[in-house]
Amino acid sequence: MIIFFGLNENKRIRLVLILLSLFFVSRTIGQIKSKKIEAGNLNIRMYATDPSINRMFLAKGIDPGFPGGEKSLVKFAKSKLRYPKTAIRDNIEGSVIVQFTINSRGYVTDPKLLRSVRNDLDNQCLDMLRQMPNWIPAKLGDITTAVNCDWKITFKFSR
C-alpha cells in the first residue's frame, strides 16, 4: 500500500492517493513458492502455512477472500491507516512490511513486522491488522487451510 500525503491550502495534511497492494515476498528455489493474484490495484502473493500442502495449494487451492472483495479491503485500509503526525513532523517516509496469517477459520492472527521503518509507522500498520474483520478462509478441496501473507505498506509524501 502506498500512501501519499500533501498539504492543502489550509496547510492540513490530506490523503492524496492510496494504492493498495498486498505484497507477498517471492520465494526462490529451496524456499516456499507463493501464489500471485492481481485484481485492480491489489497484488497478492500467498502460501500455505503448512509446507507439506503448499505445492497442492498453489496448484488447486482457493484463495482467502476479504468480506466484500478487494474494493472493501481498500476501503477498510483507507479508513484505518493514518500518517502519524510525528512522522509528518519529522519528514519520515518508508515501507513497512507486515506479516499475518489468515487461519483456517478466517481469523487474522499473528501480526508481526518483517521490516520496520519507525515505531509510529509500524504501529499504524499493526493496529490496522488487529482491527481487520475475518476473511473467508482459503480452501484446498473441501478443507479450509491457513495462509501466510506479507504486506508491504509504503508511506510517502506527495511532491
C-alpha atoms as a PDB file:
ATOM      1  CA  MET A   1       0.000   0.000   0.000  1.00  0.00           C
ATOM      2  CA  ILE A   2       1.384   3.377  -0.905  1.00  0.00           C
ATOM      3  CA  ILE A   3       0.062   6.372   0.962  1.00  0.00           C
ATOM      4  CA  PHE A   4       0.774   9.831  -0.439  1.00  0.00           C
ATOM      5  CA  PHE A   5       0.115  12.890   1.703  1.00  0.00           C
ATOM      6  CA  GLY A   6       0.458  16.566   0.928  1.00  0.00           C
ATOM      7  CA  LEU A   7      -0.557  19.920   2.346  1.00  0.00           C
ATOM      8  CA  ASN A   8      -3.739  21.575   1.050  1.00  0.00           C
ATOM      9  CA  GLU A   9      -4.358  25.346   1.010  1.00  0.00           C
ATOM     10  CA  ASN A  10      -5.280  25.243   4.688  1.00  0.00           C
ATOM     11  CA  LYS A  11      -1.946  23.582   5.452  1.00  0.00           C
ATOM     12  CA  ARG A  12      -3.679  20.472   6.740  1.00  0.00           C
ATOM     13  CA  ILE A  13      -2.409  17.054   5.849  1.00  0.00           C
ATOM     14  CA  ARG A  14      -4.759  15.205   3.485  1.00  0.00           C
ATOM     15  CA  LEU A  15      -4.773  11.933   1.763  1.00  0.00           C
ATOM     16  CA  VAL A  16      -3.965  12.293  -1.929  1.00  0.00           C
ATOM     17  CA  LEU A  17      -3.853   8.698  -3.018  1.00  0.00           C
ATOM     18  CA  ILE A  18      -3.800   5.216  -1.583  1.00  0.00           C
ATOM     19  CA  LEU A  19      -2.617   2.417  -3.757  1.00  0.00           C
ATOM     20  CA  LEU A  20      -3.166  -0.874  -2.065  1.00  0.00           C
ATOM     21  CA  SER A  21      -1.046  -3.829  -2.770  1.00  0.00           C
ATOM     22  CA  LEU A  22      -0.620  -6.918  -0.749  1.00  0.00           C
ATOM     23  CA  PHE A  23       2.983  -7.723  -1.437  1.00  0.00           C
ATOM     24  CA  PHE A  24       3.819 -11.289  -0.784  1.00  0.00           C
ATOM     25  CA  VAL A  25       7.536 -11.967  -0.943  1.00  0.00           C
ATOM     26  CA  SER A  26       8.506 -14.228  -3.842  1.00  0.00           C
ATOM     27  CA  ARG A  27      10.308 -17.366  -2.856  1.00  0.00           C
ATOM     28  CA  THR A  28      13.320 -18.850  -4.645  1.00  0.00           C
ATOM     29  CA  ILE A  29      14.283 -22.476  -5.290  1.00  0.00           C
ATOM     30  CA  GLY A  30      14.630 -24.315  -1.990  1.00  0.00           C
ATOM     31  CA  GLN A  31      12.193 -21.948  -0.313  1.00  0.00           C
ATOM     32  CA  ILE A  32       8.409 -21.827  -0.241  1.00  0.00           C
ATOM     33  CA  LYS A  33       6.830 -20.876  -3.556  1.00  0.00           C
ATOM     34  CA  SER A  34       3.965 -18.401  -3.475  1.00  0.00           C
ATOM     35  CA  LYS A  35       0.773 -17.770  -5.408  1.00  0.00           C
ATOM     36  CA  LYS A  36       0.268 -14.446  -7.140  1.00  0.00           C
ATOM     37  CA  ILE A  37      -3.114 -12.838  -7.658  1.00  0.00           C
ATOM     38  CA  GLU A  38      -3.713  -9.494  -9.347  1.00  0.00           C
ATOM     39  CA  ALA A  39      -7.021  -7.649  -9.196  1.00  0.00           C
ATOM     40  CA  GLY A  40      -7.226  -3.922  -9.774  1.00  0.00           C
ATOM     41  CA  ASN A  41      -4.527  -2.333  -7.666  1.00  0.00           C
ATOM     42  CA  LEU A  42      -4.075  -5.394  -5.451  1.00  0.00           C
ATOM     43  CA  ASN A  43      -1.035  -7.580  -5.990  1.00  0.00           C
ATOM     44  CA  ILE A  44      -1.157 -10.645  -3.789  1.00  0.00           C
ATOM     45  CA  ARG A  45       1.291 -13.447  -3.188  1.00  0.00           C
ATOM     46  CA  MET A  46       0.405 -16.055  -0.587  1.00  0.00           C
ATOM     47  CA  TYR A  47       1.422 -19.512   0.546  1.00  0.00           C
ATOM     48  CA  ALA A  48       0.011 -22.214   2.803  1.00  0.00           C
ATOM     49  CA  THR A  49       1.299 -22.193   6.358  1.00  0.00           C
ATOM     50  CA  ASP A  50       1.774 -25.971   6.137  1.00  0.00           C
ATOM     51  CA  PRO A  51       4.732 -26.528   3.765  1.00  0.00           C
ATOM     52  CA  SER A  52       3.630 -30.128   3.122  1.00  0.00           C
ATOM     53  CA  ILE A  53       0.492 -28.931   1.286  1.00  0.00           C
ATOM     54  CA  ASN A  54       1.827 -25.717  -0.236  1.00  0.00           C
ATOM     55  CA  ARG A  55       2.524 -27.159  -3.698  1.00  0.00           C
ATOM     56  CA  MET A  56      -1.010 -28.558  -3.913  1.00  0.00           C
ATOM     57  CA  PHE A  57      -2.487 -25.283  -2.562  1.00  0.00           C
ATOM     58  CA  LEU A  58      -0.651 -23.319  -5.245  1.00  0.00           C
ATOM     59  CA  ALA A  59      -1.979 -25.615  -7.972  1.00  0.00           C
ATOM     60  CA  LYS A  60      -5.560 -26.180  -6.817  1.00  0.00           C
ATOM     61  CA  GLY A  61      -6.302 -24.061  -3.746  1.00  0.00           C
ATOM     62  CA  ILE A  62      -8.938 -21.352  -3.437  1.00  0.00           C
ATOM     63  CA  ASP A  63      -7.541 -18.099  -2.075  1.00  0.00           C
ATOM     64  CA  PRO A  64      -8.880 -16.392   1.040  1.00  0.00           C
ATOM     65  CA  GLY A  65     -11.279 -13.537   0.440  1.00  0.00           C
ATOM     66  CA  PHE A  66     -11.816 -10.259   2.243  1.00  0.00           C
ATOM     67  CA  PRO A  67     -15.534  -9.716   3.012  1.00  0.00           C
ATOM     68  CA  GLY A  68     -16.927  -7.626   0.153  1.00  0.00           C
ATOM     69  CA  GLY A  69     -13.891  -8.210  -2.072  1.00  0.00           C
ATOM     70  CA  GLU A  70     -10.846  -6.142  -2.950  1.00  0.00           C
ATOM     71  CA  LYS A  71     -12.717  -2.810  -3.065  1.00  0.00           C
ATOM     72  CA  SER A  72     -13.846  -3.366   0.512  1.00  0.00           C
ATOM     73  CA  LEU A  73     -10.273  -4.167   1.555  1.00  0.00           C
ATOM     74  CA  VAL A  74      -9.079  -0.884   0.022  1.00  0.00           C
ATOM     75  CA  LYS A  75     -11.893   1.000   1.786  1.00  0.00           C
ATOM     76  CA  PHE A  76     -11.052  -0.694   5.093  1.00  0.00           C
ATOM     77  CA  ALA A  77      -7.346   0.151   4.815  1.00  0.00           C
ATOM     78  CA  LYS A  78      -8.111   3.787   3.896  1.00  0.00           C
ATOM     79  CA  SER A  79     -10.325   4.114   6.941  1.00  0.00           C
ATOM     80  CA  LYS A  80      -7.752   2.671   9.366  1.00  0.00           C
ATOM     81  CA  LEU A  81      -4.340   3.870   8.175  1.00  0.00           C
ATOM     82  CA  ARG A  82      -3.283   7.404   9.040  1.00  0.00           C
ATOM     83  CA  TYR A  83       0.080   9.028   8.515  1.00  0.00           C
ATOM     84  CA  PRO A  84       1.211   9.715  12.108  1.00  0.00           C
ATOM     85  CA  LYS A  85       1.696  13.416  12.928  1.00  0.00           C
ATOM     86  CA  THR A  86       5.089  12.663  14.451  1.00  0.00           C
ATOM     87  CA  ALA A  87       6.292  11.054  11.209  1.00  0.00           C
ATOM     88  CA  ILE A  88       4.931  14.001   9.200  1.00  0.00           C
ATOM     89  CA  ARG A  89       6.693  16.446  11.522  1.00  0.00           C
ATOM     90  CA  ASP A  90       9.976  14.514  11.170  1.00  0.00           C
ATOM     91  CA  ASN A  91       9.509  14.067   7.397  1.00  0.00           C
ATOM     92  CA  ILE A  92       9.735  10.255   7.678  1.00  0.00           C
ATOM     93  CA  GLU A  93       8.885   8.080   4.662  1.00  0.00           C
ATOM     94  CA  GLY A  94       9.378   4.381   4.077  1.00  0.00           C
ATOM     95  CA  SER A  95       7.932   0.929   3.596  1.00  0.00           C
ATOM     96  CA  VAL A  96       6.758  -1.267   6.444  1.00  0.00           C
ATOM     97  CA  ILE A  97       6.355  -4.968   5.698  1.00  0.00           C
ATOM     98  CA  VAL A  98       3.970  -6.807   7.982  1.00  0.00           C
ATOM     99  CA  GLN A  99       3.188 -10.489   8.065  1.00  0.00           C
ATOM    100  CA  PHE A 100      -0.041 -12.072   9.235  1.00  0.00           C
ATOM    101  CA  THR A 101      -1.859 -15.366   8.950  1.00  0.00           C
ATOM    102  CA  ILE A 102      -5.410 -15.916   7.788  1.00  0.00           C
ATOM    103  CA  ASN A 103      -6.178 -19.079   9.719  1.00  0.00           C
ATOM    104  CA  SER A 104      -8.499 -21.912   8.692  1.00  0.00           C
ATOM    105  CA  ARG A 105     -11.450 -20.133  10.349  1.00  0.00           C
ATOM    106  CA  GLY A 106     -10.718 -16.839   8.542  1.00  0.00           C
ATOM    107  CA  TYR A 107      -9.301 -15.008  11.556  1.00  0.00           C
ATOM    108  CA  VAL A 108      -6.347 -12.672  11.051  1.00  0.00           C
ATOM    109  CA  THR A 109      -3.704 -13.894  13.505  1.00  0.00           C
ATOM    110  CA  ASP A 110      -0.029 -13.467  14.350  1.00  0.00           C
ATOM    111  CA  PRO A 111       0.557  -9.931  13.021  1.00  0.00           C
ATOM    112  CA  LYS A 112       4.247  -9.079  13.107  1.00  0.00           C
ATOM    113  CA  LEU A 113       6.841  -6.875  11.463  1.00  0.00           C
ATOM    114  CA  LEU A 114       9.158  -8.186   8.777  1.00  0.00           C
ATOM    115  CA  ARG A 115      10.597  -4.729   8.036  1.00  0.00           C
ATOM    116  CA  SER A 116      10.334  -1.731  10.324  1.00  0.00           C
ATOM    117  CA  VAL A 117      10.584   1.953   9.469  1.00  0.00           C
ATOM    118  CA  ARG A 118       9.829   3.583  12.816  1.00  0.00           C
ATOM    119  CA  ASN A 119       7.543   2.742  15.750  1.00  0.00           C
ATOM    120  CA  ASP A 120       4.777   5.197  14.848  1.00  0.00           C
ATOM    121  CA  LEU A 121       4.510   3.946  11.240  1.00  0.00           C
ATOM    122  CA  ASP A 122       4.924   0.320  12.291  1.00  0.00           C
ATOM    123  CA  ASN A 123       2.157   0.636  14.885  1.00  0.00           C
ATOM    124  CA  GLN A 124      -0.274   2.122  12.343  1.00  0.00           C
ATOM    125  CA  CYS A 125       0.142  -0.998  10.195  1.00  0.00           C
ATOM    126  CA  LEU A 126      -0.091  -3.469  13.067  1.00  0.00           C
ATOM    127  CA  ASP A 127      -3.132  -1.707  14.549  1.00  0.00           C
ATOM    128  CA  MET A 128      -4.890  -1.881  11.182  1.00  0.00           C
ATOM    129  CA  LEU A 129      -4.266  -5.644  11.037  1.00  0.00           C
ATOM    130  CA  ARG A 130      -5.585  -6.118  14.577  1.00  0.00           C
ATOM    131  CA  GLN A 131      -8.833  -4.379  13.600  1.00  0.00           C
ATOM    132  CA  MET A 132      -9.284  -6.337  10.378  1.00  0.00           C
ATOM    133  CA  PRO A 133     -12.501  -8.367  10.111  1.00  0.00           C
ATOM    134  CA  ASN A 134     -12.500 -12.087   9.476  1.00  0.00           C
ATOM    135  CA  TRP A 135     -11.780 -13.255   5.955  1.00  0.00           C
ATOM    136  CA  ILE A 136     -13.356 -16.089   4.018  1.00  0.00           C
ATOM    137  CA  PRO A 137     -10.677 -18.751   4.617  1.00  0.00           C
ATOM    138  CA  ALA A 138      -8.589 -20.347   1.885  1.00  0.00           C
ATOM    139  CA  LYS A 139      -9.576 -23.834   0.779  1.00  0.00           C
ATOM    140  CA  LEU A 140      -7.875 -26.873  -0.593  1.00  0.00           C
ATOM    141  CA  GLY A 141     -10.669 -29.068  -1.893  1.00  0.00           C
ATOM    142  CA  ASP A 142     -13.345 -29.002   0.791  1.00  0.00           C
ATOM    143  CA  ILE A 143     -10.886 -28.329   3.615  1.00  0.00           C
ATOM    144  CA  THR A 144     -10.104 -24.818   4.838  1.00  0.00           C
ATOM    145  CA  THR A 145      -6.422 -24.037   5.240  1.00  0.00           C
ATOM    146  CA  ALA A 146      -4.323 -21.274   6.770  1.00  0.00           C
ATOM    147  CA  VAL A 147      -2.213 -18.973   4.601  1.00  0.00           C
ATOM    148  CA  ASN A 148       0.568 -16.541   5.420  1.00  0.00           C
ATOM    149  CA  CYS A 149       0.508 -13.029   3.999  1.00  0.00           C
ATOM    150  CA  ASP A 150       3.310 -10.480   3.727  1.00  0.00           C
ATOM    151  CA  TRP A 151       2.009  -6.933   3.121  1.00  0.00           C
ATOM    152  CA  LYS A 152       4.209  -4.013   2.066  1.00  0.00           C
ATOM    153  CA  ILE A 153       2.761  -0.649   3.137  1.00  0.00           C
ATOM    154  CA  THR A 154       4.624   2.429   1.894  1.00  0.00           C
ATOM    155  CA  PHE A 155       4.234   5.844   3.495  1.00  0.00           C
ATOM    156  CA  LYS A 156       5.251   8.668   1.180  1.00  0.00           C
ATOM    157  CA  PHE A 157       4.584  12.399   0.850  1.00  0.00           C
ATOM    158  CA  SER A 158       3.326  13.851  -2.415  1.00  0.00           C
ATOM    159  CA  ARG A 159       5.756  16.266  -4.006  1.00  0.00           C
END
